[in-house]
PDB file of all heavy atoms in Angstrom:
ATOM      1  N   TYR A   1      -0.967 -11.497   1.610  1.00  0.00           N
ATOM      2  CA  TYR A   1      -0.301 -10.349   0.912  1.00  0.00           C
ATOM      3  C   TYR A   1      -1.182  -9.440   0.025  1.00  0.00           C
ATOM      4  O   TYR A   1      -0.878  -8.554  -0.613  1.00  0.00           O
ATOM      5  CB  TYR A   1       0.919 -10.738   0.166  1.00  0.00           C
ATOM      6  CG  TYR A   1       1.931 -11.387   0.953  1.00  0.00           C
ATOM      7  CD1 TYR A   1       1.964 -12.720   1.019  1.00  0.00           C
ATOM      8  CD2 TYR A   1       2.885 -10.672   1.784  1.00  0.00           C
ATOM      9  CE1 TYR A   1       2.978 -13.363   1.778  1.00  0.00           C
ATOM     10  CE2 TYR A   1       3.805 -11.314   2.508  1.00  0.00           C
ATOM     11  CZ  TYR A   1       3.758 -12.630   2.473  1.00  0.00           C
ATOM     12  OH  TYR A   1       4.775 -13.367   3.343  1.00  0.00           O
ATOM     13  N   VAL A   2      -2.512  -9.874   0.269  1.00  0.00           N
ATOM     14  CA  VAL A   2      -3.484  -9.010  -0.642  1.00  0.00           C
ATOM     15  C   VAL A   2      -3.699  -7.689  -0.210  1.00  0.00           C
ATOM     16  O   VAL A   2      -3.700  -7.319   0.994  1.00  0.00           O
ATOM     17  CB  VAL A   2      -4.890  -9.813  -0.534  1.00  0.00           C
ATOM     18  CG1 VAL A   2      -5.988  -9.044  -1.115  1.00  0.00           C
ATOM     19  CG2 VAL A   2      -4.833 -11.186  -1.168  1.00  0.00           C
ATOM     20  N   ASN A   3      -3.682  -6.807  -1.149  1.00  0.00           N
ATOM     21  CA  ASN A   3      -3.848  -5.299  -0.898  1.00  0.00           C
ATOM     22  C   ASN A   3      -2.491  -4.720  -0.457  1.00  0.00           C
ATOM     23  O   ASN A   3      -2.363  -3.673   0.097  1.00  0.00           O
ATOM     24  CB  ASN A   3      -4.901  -4.980   0.080  1.00  0.00           C
ATOM     25  CG  ASN A   3      -5.358  -3.494  -0.102  1.00  0.00           C
ATOM     26  OD1 ASN A   3      -5.226  -3.049  -1.197  1.00  0.00           O
ATOM     27  ND2 ASN A   3      -5.860  -2.905   0.956  1.00  0.00           N
ATOM     28  N   GLU A   4      -1.380  -5.375  -0.667  1.00  0.00           N
ATOM     29  CA  GLU A   4      -0.187  -4.914  -0.407  1.00  0.00           C
ATOM     30  C   GLU A   4       0.615  -4.680  -1.797  1.00  0.00           C
ATOM     31  O   GLU A   4       0.381  -5.312  -2.772  1.00  0.00           O
ATOM     32  CB  GLU A   4       0.776  -5.809   0.349  1.00  0.00           C
ATOM     33  CG  GLU A   4       0.245  -5.894   1.783  1.00  0.00           C
ATOM     34  CD  GLU A   4       1.325  -6.442   2.903  1.00  0.00           C
ATOM     35  OE1 GLU A   4       2.459  -6.221   2.608  1.00  0.00           O
ATOM     36  OE2 GLU A   4       0.887  -6.948   3.794  1.00  0.00           O
ATOM     37  N   ARG A   5       1.693  -3.838  -1.845  1.00  0.00           N
ATOM     38  CA  ARG A   5       2.358  -3.419  -3.123  1.00  0.00           C
ATOM     39  C   ARG A   5       3.166  -4.598  -3.523  1.00  0.00           C
ATOM     40  O   ARG A   5       4.020  -5.055  -2.844  1.00  0.00           O
ATOM     41  CB  ARG A   5       3.188  -2.130  -2.857  1.00  0.00           C
ATOM     42  CG  ARG A   5       3.732  -1.564  -4.118  1.00  0.00           C
ATOM     43  CD  ARG A   5       4.549  -0.272  -3.929  1.00  0.00           C
ATOM     44  NE  ARG A   5       4.872   0.421  -5.116  1.00  0.00           N
ATOM     45  CZ  ARG A   5       4.059   1.322  -5.718  1.00  0.00           C
ATOM     46  NH1 ARG A   5       2.845   1.554  -5.141  1.00  0.00           N
ATOM     47  NH2 ARG A   5       4.411   1.894  -6.816  1.00  0.00           N
ATOM     48  N   TYR A   6       2.928  -5.078  -4.808  1.00  0.00           N
ATOM     49  CA  TYR A   6       3.494  -6.218  -5.298  1.00  0.00           C
ATOM     50  C   TYR A   6       5.055  -6.190  -5.195  1.00  0.00           C
ATOM     51  O   TYR A   6       5.773  -7.105  -4.927  1.00  0.00           O
ATOM     52  CB  TYR A   6       3.097  -6.536  -6.748  1.00  0.00           C
ATOM     53  CG  TYR A   6       3.837  -7.529  -7.514  1.00  0.00           C
ATOM     54  CD1 TYR A   6       3.670  -8.910  -7.167  1.00  0.00           C
ATOM     55  CD2 TYR A   6       4.914  -7.232  -8.424  1.00  0.00           C
ATOM     56  CE1 TYR A   6       4.424  -9.893  -7.799  1.00  0.00           C
ATOM     57  CE2 TYR A   6       5.707  -8.259  -9.019  1.00  0.00           C
ATOM     58  CZ  TYR A   6       5.340  -9.478  -8.839  1.00  0.00           C
ATOM     59  OH  TYR A   6       6.182 -10.600  -9.370  1.00  0.00           O
ATOM     60  N   SER A   7       5.645  -5.043  -5.721  1.00  0.00           N
ATOM     61  CA  SER A   7       7.088  -4.853  -5.769  1.00  0.00           C
ATOM     62  C   SER A   7       7.770  -5.129  -4.383  1.00  0.00           C
ATOM     63  O   SER A   7       8.782  -5.788  -4.499  1.00  0.00           O
ATOM     64  CB  SER A   7       7.513  -3.461  -6.309  1.00  0.00           C
ATOM     65  OG  SER A   7       6.857  -2.501  -5.489  1.00  0.00           O
ATOM     66  N   ALA A   8       7.236  -4.598  -3.387  1.00  0.00           N
ATOM     67  CA  ALA A   8       7.939  -4.806  -2.056  1.00  0.00           C
ATOM     68  C   ALA A   8       7.641  -6.292  -1.561  1.00  0.00           C
ATOM     69  O   ALA A   8       8.586  -6.851  -1.052  1.00  0.00           O
ATOM     70  CB  ALA A   8       7.215  -3.848  -0.997  1.00  0.00           C
ATOM     71  N   VAL A   9       6.475  -6.875  -1.806  1.00  0.00           N
ATOM     72  CA  VAL A   9       6.204  -8.238  -1.432  1.00  0.00           C
ATOM     73  C   VAL A   9       7.162  -9.230  -2.160  1.00  0.00           C
ATOM     74  O   VAL A   9       7.782 -10.033  -1.669  1.00  0.00           O
ATOM     75  CB  VAL A   9       4.777  -8.622  -1.519  1.00  0.00           C
ATOM     76  CG1 VAL A   9       4.530 -10.070  -1.376  1.00  0.00           C
ATOM     77  CG2 VAL A   9       3.851  -7.773  -0.554  1.00  0.00           C
ATOM     78  N   ALA A  10       7.161  -9.073  -3.513  1.00  0.00           N
ATOM     79  CA  ALA A  10       8.083  -9.879  -4.385  1.00  0.00           C
ATOM     80  C   ALA A  10       9.474  -9.822  -3.873  1.00  0.00           C
ATOM     81  O   ALA A  10      10.178 -10.910  -3.876  1.00  0.00           O
ATOM     82  CB  ALA A  10       7.942  -9.484  -5.752  1.00  0.00           C
ATOM     83  N   SER A  11      10.091  -8.712  -3.623  1.00  0.00           N
ATOM     84  CA  SER A  11      11.430  -8.511  -3.215  1.00  0.00           C
ATOM     85  C   SER A  11      11.579  -9.220  -1.882  1.00  0.00           C
ATOM     86  O   SER A  11      12.667  -9.944  -1.611  1.00  0.00           O
ATOM     87  CB  SER A  11      11.799  -7.012  -3.110  1.00  0.00           C
ATOM     88  OG  SER A  11      13.053  -6.796  -2.612  1.00  0.00           O
ATOM     89  N   GLN A  12      10.840  -9.117  -0.945  1.00  0.00           N
ATOM     90  CA  GLN A  12      10.775  -9.725   0.350  1.00  0.00           C
ATOM     91  C   GLN A  12      10.792 -11.269   0.300  1.00  0.00           C
ATOM     92  O   GLN A  12      11.658 -11.945   0.887  1.00  0.00           O
ATOM     93  CB  GLN A  12       9.671  -9.231   1.254  1.00  0.00           C
ATOM     94  CG  GLN A  12       9.742  -9.806   2.677  1.00  0.00           C
ATOM     95  CD  GLN A  12       8.499  -9.377   3.455  1.00  0.00           C
ATOM     96  OE1 GLN A  12       7.736  -8.524   3.076  1.00  0.00           O
ATOM     97  NE2 GLN A  12       8.237  -9.977   4.604  1.00  0.00           N
ATOM     98  N   LEU A  13       9.957 -11.793  -0.573  1.00  0.00           N
ATOM     99  CA  LEU A  13       9.750 -13.234  -0.665  1.00  0.00           C
ATOM    100  C   LEU A  13      10.845 -13.909  -1.428  1.00  0.00           C
ATOM    101  O   LEU A  13      11.369 -14.952  -1.123  1.00  0.00           O
ATOM    102  CB  LEU A  13       8.423 -13.539  -1.337  1.00  0.00           C
ATOM    103  CG  LEU A  13       7.156 -13.269  -0.564  1.00  0.00           C
ATOM    104  CD1 LEU A  13       5.964 -13.783  -1.274  1.00  0.00           C
ATOM    105  CD2 LEU A  13       7.287 -13.969   0.902  1.00  0.00           C
ATOM    106  N   LYS A  14      11.380 -13.120  -2.439  1.00  0.00           N
ATOM    107  CA  LYS A  14      12.548 -13.732  -3.328  1.00  0.00           C
ATOM    108  C   LYS A  14      13.818 -13.753  -2.447  1.00  0.00           C
ATOM    109  O   LYS A  14      14.601 -14.625  -2.636  1.00  0.00           O
ATOM    110  CB  LYS A  14      12.705 -12.681  -4.529  1.00  0.00           C
ATOM    111  CG  LYS A  14      11.712 -12.901  -5.616  1.00  0.00           C
ATOM    112  CD  LYS A  14      12.019 -11.901  -6.783  1.00  0.00           C
ATOM    113  CE  LYS A  14      10.981 -12.130  -7.845  1.00  0.00           C
ATOM    114  NZ  LYS A  14      11.150 -11.153  -8.986  1.00  0.00           N
ATOM    115  N   ALA A  15      13.986 -12.727  -1.519  1.00  0.00           N
ATOM    116  CA  ALA A  15      15.106 -12.827  -0.531  1.00  0.00           C
ATOM    117  C   ALA A  15      15.061 -14.050   0.348  1.00  0.00           C
ATOM    118  O   ALA A  15      16.096 -14.526   0.764  1.00  0.00           O
ATOM    119  CB  ALA A  15      15.178 -11.588   0.329  1.00  0.00           C
ATOM    120  N   LYS A  16      13.975 -14.573   0.633  1.00  0.00           N
ATOM    121  CA  LYS A  16      13.769 -15.761   1.369  1.00  0.00           C
ATOM    122  C   LYS A  16      13.897 -17.075   0.610  1.00  0.00           C
ATOM    123  O   LYS A  16      13.911 -18.137   1.260  1.00  0.00           O
ATOM    124  CB  LYS A  16      12.307 -15.824   2.138  1.00  0.00           C
ATOM    125  CG  LYS A  16      12.165 -14.691   3.165  1.00  0.00           C
ATOM    126  CD  LYS A  16      10.774 -14.814   3.883  1.00  0.00           C
ATOM    127  CE  LYS A  16      10.618 -13.942   4.946  1.00  0.00           C
ATOM    128  NZ  LYS A  16       9.258 -14.068   5.731  1.00  0.00           N
ATOM    129  N   GLY A  17      13.863 -17.048  -0.704  1.00  0.00           N
ATOM    130  CA  GLY A  17      14.030 -18.109  -1.624  1.00  0.00           C
ATOM    131  C   GLY A  17      12.848 -18.542  -2.321  1.00  0.00           C
ATOM    132  O   GLY A  17      12.840 -19.498  -3.174  1.00  0.00           O
ATOM    133  N   TYR A  18      11.770 -17.788  -2.177  1.00  0.00           N
ATOM    134  CA  TYR A  18      10.479 -18.082  -2.972  1.00  0.00           C
ATOM    135  C   TYR A  18      10.681 -17.842  -4.525  1.00  0.00           C
ATOM    136  O   TYR A  18      11.507 -17.009  -4.786  1.00  0.00           O
ATOM    137  CB  TYR A  18       9.291 -17.313  -2.577  1.00  0.00           C
ATOM    138  CG  TYR A  18       8.766 -17.733  -1.149  1.00  0.00           C
ATOM    139  CD1 TYR A  18       9.252 -17.115   0.009  1.00  0.00           C
ATOM    140  CD2 TYR A  18       7.683 -18.587  -0.998  1.00  0.00           C
ATOM    141  CE1 TYR A  18       8.761 -17.377   1.173  1.00  0.00           C
ATOM    142  CE2 TYR A  18       7.108 -18.935   0.196  1.00  0.00           C
ATOM    143  CZ  TYR A  18       7.756 -18.338   1.266  1.00  0.00           C
ATOM    144  OH  TYR A  18       7.109 -18.769   2.559  1.00  0.00           O
ATOM    145  N   THR A  19      10.026 -18.576  -5.222  1.00  0.00           N
ATOM    146  CA  THR A  19       9.844 -18.237  -6.771  1.00  0.00           C
ATOM    147  C   THR A  19       8.535 -17.517  -6.872  1.00  0.00           C
ATOM    148  O   THR A  19       7.515 -17.986  -6.461  1.00  0.00           O
ATOM    149  CB  THR A  19       9.912 -19.445  -7.509  1.00  0.00           C
ATOM    150  OG1 THR A  19      11.173 -20.134  -7.380  1.00  0.00           O
ATOM    151  CG2 THR A  19       9.742 -19.154  -9.090  1.00  0.00           C
ATOM    152  N   VAL A  20       8.686 -16.270  -7.406  1.00  0.00           N
ATOM    153  CA  VAL A  20       7.468 -15.447  -7.390  1.00  0.00           C
ATOM    154  C   VAL A  20       7.086 -15.117  -8.999  1.00  0.00           C
ATOM    155  O   VAL A  20       7.842 -14.745  -9.825  1.00  0.00           O
ATOM    156  CB  VAL A  20       7.611 -14.062  -6.760  1.00  0.00           C
ATOM    157  CG1 VAL A  20       6.437 -13.243  -6.711  1.00  0.00           C
ATOM    158  CG2 VAL A  20       8.152 -14.304  -5.324  1.00  0.00           C
ATOM    159  N   HIS A  21       5.740 -15.363  -9.242  1.00  0.00           N
ATOM    160  CA  HIS A  21       5.325 -15.068 -10.605  1.00  0.00           C
ATOM    161  C   HIS A  21       4.059 -13.864 -10.499  1.00  0.00           C
ATOM    162  O   HIS A  21       3.516 -13.831  -9.367  1.00  0.00           O
ATOM    163  CB  HIS A  21       4.579 -16.349 -11.307  1.00  0.00           C
ATOM    164  CG  HIS A  21       5.695 -17.337 -11.716  1.00  0.00           C
ATOM    165  ND1 HIS A  21       6.905 -17.010 -12.214  1.00  0.00           N
ATOM    166  CD2 HIS A  21       5.735 -18.607 -11.475  1.00  0.00           C
ATOM    167  CE1 HIS A  21       7.638 -18.121 -12.224  1.00  0.00           C
ATOM    168  NE2 HIS A  21       6.900 -19.132 -11.940  1.00  0.00           N
ATOM    169  N   LYS A  22       3.912 -13.207 -11.661  1.00  0.00           N
ATOM    170  CA  LYS A  22       2.947 -12.129 -11.504  1.00  0.00           C
ATOM    171  C   LYS A  22       1.941 -12.418 -12.731  1.00  0.00           C
ATOM    172  O   LYS A  22       2.278 -12.665 -13.919  1.00  0.00           O
ATOM    173  CB  LYS A  22       3.757 -10.806 -11.680  1.00  0.00           C
ATOM    174  CG  LYS A  22       2.834  -9.608 -11.851  1.00  0.00           C
ATOM    175  CD  LYS A  22       3.889  -8.402 -12.072  1.00  0.00           C
ATOM    176  CE  LYS A  22       3.082  -7.067 -12.185  1.00  0.00           C
ATOM    177  NZ  LYS A  22       3.964  -5.948 -12.534  1.00  0.00           N
ATOM    178  N   LYS A  23       0.668 -12.161 -12.393  1.00  0.00           N
ATOM    179  CA  LYS A  23      -0.500 -12.060 -13.359  1.00  0.00           C
ATOM    180  C   LYS A  23      -1.133 -10.804 -13.107  1.00  0.00           C
ATOM    181  O   LYS A  23      -1.583 -10.530 -12.068  1.00  0.00           O
ATOM    182  CB  LYS A  23      -1.273 -13.310 -13.107  1.00  0.00           C
ATOM    183  CG  LYS A  23      -2.438 -13.558 -14.279  1.00  0.00           C
ATOM    184  CD  LYS A  23      -3.151 -14.789 -14.146  1.00  0.00           C
ATOM    185  CE  LYS A  23      -4.018 -14.681 -12.929  1.00  0.00           C
ATOM    186  NZ  LYS A  23      -4.951 -15.926 -12.940  1.00  0.00           N
ATOM    187  N   GLU A  24      -1.363 -10.097 -14.305  1.00  0.00           N
ATOM    188  CA  GLU A  24      -1.957  -8.788 -14.217  1.00  0.00           C
ATOM    189  C   GLU A  24      -3.464  -8.846 -14.415  1.00  0.00           C
ATOM    190  O   GLU A  24      -3.929  -9.567 -15.467  1.00  0.00           O
ATOM    191  CB  GLU A  24      -1.184  -7.785 -15.073  1.00  0.00           C
ATOM    192  CG  GLU A  24       0.094  -7.533 -14.684  1.00  0.00           C
ATOM    193  CD  GLU A  24       0.862  -6.520 -15.464  1.00  0.00           C
ATOM    194  OE1 GLU A  24       0.499  -6.330 -16.688  1.00  0.00           O
ATOM    195  OE2 GLU A  24       1.665  -5.757 -14.914  1.00  0.00           O
ATOM    196  N   VAL A  25      -4.243  -7.894 -13.848  1.00  0.00           N
ATOM    197  CA  VAL A  25      -5.749  -7.869 -14.099  1.00  0.00           C
ATOM    198  C   VAL A  25      -6.121  -6.487 -13.800  1.00  0.00           C
ATOM    199  O   VAL A  25      -5.573  -5.841 -12.958  1.00  0.00           O
ATOM    200  CB  VAL A  25      -6.449  -8.955 -13.320  1.00  0.00           C
ATOM    201  CG1 VAL A  25      -6.344  -8.649 -11.886  1.00  0.00           C
ATOM    202  CG2 VAL A  25      -7.949  -9.039 -13.758  1.00  0.00           C
ATOM    203  N   ALA A  26      -7.106  -6.023 -14.660  1.00  0.00           N
ATOM    204  CA  ALA A  26      -7.749  -4.624 -14.203  1.00  0.00           C
ATOM    205  C   ALA A  26      -8.631  -4.824 -13.059  1.00  0.00           C
ATOM    206  O   ALA A  26      -9.289  -5.860 -12.802  1.00  0.00           O
ATOM    207  CB  ALA A  26      -8.480  -4.130 -15.489  1.00  0.00           C
ATOM    208  N   SER A  27      -8.562  -3.792 -12.064  1.00  0.00           N
ATOM    209  CA  SER A  27      -9.352  -3.799 -10.903  1.00  0.00           C
ATOM    210  C   SER A  27      -9.888  -2.393 -10.518  1.00  0.00           C
ATOM    211  O   SER A  27      -9.101  -1.506 -10.657  1.00  0.00           O
ATOM    212  CB  SER A  27      -8.460  -4.403  -9.880  1.00  0.00           C
ATOM    213  OG  SER A  27      -9.182  -4.267  -8.642  1.00  0.00           O
ATOM    214  N   ASP A  28     -11.107  -2.315 -10.218  1.00  0.00           N
ATOM    215  CA  ASP A  28     -11.603  -1.060  -9.804  1.00  0.00           C
ATOM    216  C   ASP A  28     -11.433  -0.888  -8.356  1.00  0.00           C
ATOM    217  O   ASP A  28     -11.605   0.178  -7.716  1.00  0.00           O
ATOM    218  CB  ASP A  28     -13.159  -0.950 -10.044  1.00  0.00           C
ATOM    219  CG  ASP A  28     -13.419  -0.791 -11.587  1.00  0.00           C
ATOM    220  OD1 ASP A  28     -12.519  -0.451 -12.282  1.00  0.00           O
ATOM    221  OD2 ASP A  28     -14.458  -1.231 -12.062  1.00  0.00           O
ATOM    222  N   GLU A  29     -11.017  -1.911  -7.713  1.00  0.00           N
ATOM    223  CA  GLU A  29     -10.983  -1.919  -6.139  1.00  0.00           C
ATOM    224  C   GLU A  29      -9.586  -1.751  -5.739  1.00  0.00           C
ATOM    225  O   GLU A  29      -9.407  -1.077  -4.571  1.00  0.00           O
ATOM    226  CB  GLU A  29     -11.492  -3.335  -5.660  1.00  0.00           C
ATOM    227  CG  GLU A  29     -11.496  -3.373  -4.062  1.00  0.00           C
ATOM    228  CD  GLU A  29     -12.061  -4.760  -3.611  1.00  0.00           C
ATOM    229  OE1 GLU A  29     -12.551  -5.561  -4.397  1.00  0.00           O
ATOM    230  OE2 GLU A  29     -12.102  -4.903  -2.355  1.00  0.00           O
ATOM    231  N   TYR A  30      -8.587  -2.356  -6.337  1.00  0.00           N
ATOM    232  CA  TYR A  30      -7.211  -2.342  -5.952  1.00  0.00           C
ATOM    233  C   TYR A  30      -6.432  -1.345  -6.865  1.00  0.00           C
ATOM    234  O   TYR A  30      -6.659  -1.297  -8.048  1.00  0.00           O
ATOM    235  CB  TYR A  30      -6.563  -3.693  -6.019  1.00  0.00           C
ATOM    236  CG  TYR A  30      -7.234  -4.660  -4.996  1.00  0.00           C
ATOM    237  CD1 TYR A  30      -8.267  -5.431  -5.565  1.00  0.00           C
ATOM    238  CD2 TYR A  30      -6.897  -4.669  -3.692  1.00  0.00           C
ATOM    239  CE1 TYR A  30      -8.936  -6.327  -4.560  1.00  0.00           C
ATOM    240  CE2 TYR A  30      -7.449  -5.748  -2.781  1.00  0.00           C
ATOM    241  CZ  TYR A  30      -8.485  -6.453  -3.245  1.00  0.00           C
ATOM    242  OH  TYR A  30      -9.100  -7.312  -2.428  1.00  0.00           O
ATOM    243  N   PRO A  31      -5.547  -0.505  -6.117  1.00  0.00           N
ATOM    244  CA  PRO A  31      -4.722   0.364  -6.919  1.00  0.00           C
ATOM    245  C   PRO A  31      -3.687  -0.343  -7.882  1.00  0.00           C
ATOM    246  O   PRO A  31      -3.384  -1.426  -7.611  1.00  0.00           O
ATOM    247  CB  PRO A  31      -3.993   1.264  -5.889  1.00  0.00           C
ATOM    248  CG  PRO A  31      -4.793   0.922  -4.532  1.00  0.00           C
ATOM    249  CD  PRO A  31      -5.479  -0.408  -4.685  1.00  0.00           C
ATOM    250  N   THR A  32      -3.245   0.393  -8.837  1.00  0.00           N
ATOM    251  CA  THR A  32      -2.195  -0.082  -9.744  1.00  0.00           C
ATOM    252  C   THR A  32      -0.993  -0.583  -8.940  1.00  0.00           C
ATOM    253  O   THR A  32      -0.449   0.060  -8.033  1.00  0.00           O
ATOM    254  CB  THR A  32      -1.719   0.876 -10.680  1.00  0.00           C
ATOM    255  OG1 THR A  32      -2.897   1.423 -11.428  1.00  0.00           O
ATOM    256  CG2 THR A  32      -0.746   0.291 -11.577  1.00  0.00           C
ATOM    257  N   GLY A  33      -0.523  -1.893  -9.225  1.00  0.00           N
ATOM    258  CA  GLY A  33       0.636  -2.370  -8.556  1.00  0.00           C
ATOM    259  C   GLY A  33       0.291  -3.069  -7.261  1.00  0.00           C
ATOM    260  O   GLY A  33       1.412  -3.635  -6.717  1.00  0.00           O
ATOM    261  N   TYR A  34      -0.877  -3.153  -6.904  1.00  0.00           N
ATOM    262  CA  TYR A  34      -1.151  -3.852  -5.628  1.00  0.00           C
ATOM    263  C   TYR A  34      -1.860  -5.297  -5.783  1.00  0.00           C
ATOM    264  O   TYR A  34      -2.367  -5.522  -6.899  1.00  0.00           O
ATOM    265  CB  TYR A  34      -2.241  -2.969  -4.827  1.00  0.00           C
ATOM    266  CG  TYR A  34      -1.599  -1.903  -4.052  1.00  0.00           C
ATOM    267  CD1 TYR A  34      -1.005  -0.836  -4.691  1.00  0.00           C
ATOM    268  CD2 TYR A  34      -1.336  -1.934  -2.720  1.00  0.00           C
ATOM    269  CE1 TYR A  34      -0.200   0.062  -3.956  1.00  0.00           C
ATOM    270  CE2 TYR A  34      -0.703  -1.051  -1.940  1.00  0.00           C
ATOM    271  CZ  TYR A  34      -0.157   0.028  -2.613  1.00  0.00           C
ATOM    272  OH  TYR A  34       0.493   1.083  -1.874  1.00  0.00           O
ATOM    273  N   ILE A  35      -1.608  -6.161  -4.933  1.00  0.00           N
ATOM    274  CA  ILE A  35      -1.891  -7.586  -5.135  1.00  0.00           C
ATOM    275  C   ILE A  35      -3.512  -7.784  -4.874  1.00  0.00           C
ATOM    276  O   ILE A  35      -3.952  -7.279  -3.870  1.00  0.00           O
ATOM    277  CB  ILE A  35      -1.254  -8.423  -4.140  1.00  0.00           C
ATOM    278  CG1 ILE A  35       0.309  -8.380  -4.437  1.00  0.00           C
ATOM    279  CG2 ILE A  35      -1.658  -9.876  -4.153  1.00  0.00           C
ATOM    280  CD1 ILE A  35       1.231  -9.037  -3.526  1.00  0.00           C
ATOM    281  N   VAL A  36      -4.027  -8.330  -5.841  1.00  0.00           N
ATOM    282  CA  VAL A  36      -5.549  -8.582  -5.872  1.00  0.00           C
ATOM    283  C   VAL A  36      -5.782  -9.988  -5.189  1.00  0.00           C
ATOM    284  O   VAL A  36      -6.699 -10.149  -4.340  1.00  0.00           O
ATOM    285  CB  VAL A  36      -6.178  -8.530  -7.250  1.00  0.00           C
ATOM    286  CG1 VAL A  36      -7.672  -8.923  -7.100  1.00  0.00           C
ATOM    287  CG2 VAL A  36      -5.948  -7.126  -7.815  1.00  0.00           C
ATOM    288  N   SER A  37      -5.018 -10.979  -5.548  1.00  0.00           N
ATOM    289  CA  SER A  37      -5.152 -12.366  -4.934  1.00  0.00           C
ATOM    290  C   SER A  37      -3.896 -13.152  -5.086  1.00  0.00           C
ATOM    291  O   SER A  37      -2.932 -12.613  -5.702  1.00  0.00           O
ATOM    292  CB  SER A  37      -6.304 -13.141  -5.663  1.00  0.00           C
ATOM    293  OG  SER A  37      -5.987 -13.246  -7.155  1.00  0.00           O
ATOM    294  N   GLN A  38      -3.830 -14.252  -4.331  1.00  0.00           N
ATOM    295  CA  GLN A  38      -2.655 -15.137  -4.357  1.00  0.00           C
ATOM    296  C   GLN A  38      -3.082 -16.570  -4.451  1.00  0.00           C
ATOM    297  O   GLN A  38      -4.118 -16.809  -3.936  1.00  0.00           O
ATOM    298  CB  GLN A  38      -1.783 -14.832  -3.086  1.00  0.00           C
ATOM    299  CG  GLN A  38      -2.500 -15.154  -1.847  1.00  0.00           C
ATOM    300  CD  GLN A  38      -1.755 -14.633  -0.582  1.00  0.00           C
ATOM    301  OE1 GLN A  38      -1.430 -13.459  -0.476  1.00  0.00           O
ATOM    302  NE2 GLN A  38      -1.550 -15.453   0.419  1.00  0.00           N
ATOM    303  N   ASN A  39      -2.286 -17.369  -5.110  1.00  0.00           N
ATOM    304  CA  ASN A  39      -2.633 -18.753  -5.355  1.00  0.00           C
ATOM    305  C   ASN A  39      -2.302 -19.677  -4.148  1.00  0.00           C
ATOM    306  O   ASN A  39      -2.623 -20.912  -4.226  1.00  0.00           O
ATOM    307  CB  ASN A  39      -2.169 -19.398  -6.527  1.00  0.00           C
ATOM    308  CG  ASN A  39      -0.672 -19.465  -6.549  1.00  0.00           C
ATOM    309  OD1 ASN A  39       0.087 -18.869  -5.746  1.00  0.00           O
ATOM    310  ND2 ASN A  39      -0.106 -20.480  -7.387  1.00  0.00           N
TER     311      ASN A  39
END
């Protein structure tokens, strides 16, 4: 899900039953609100 909009991905995964957490970081490469990495 890297480089996809967090709000849309979180909504989709929560509907499937996932627990979703968010950590924010400044990035010159990725636009605001987009996923930089996943654990």
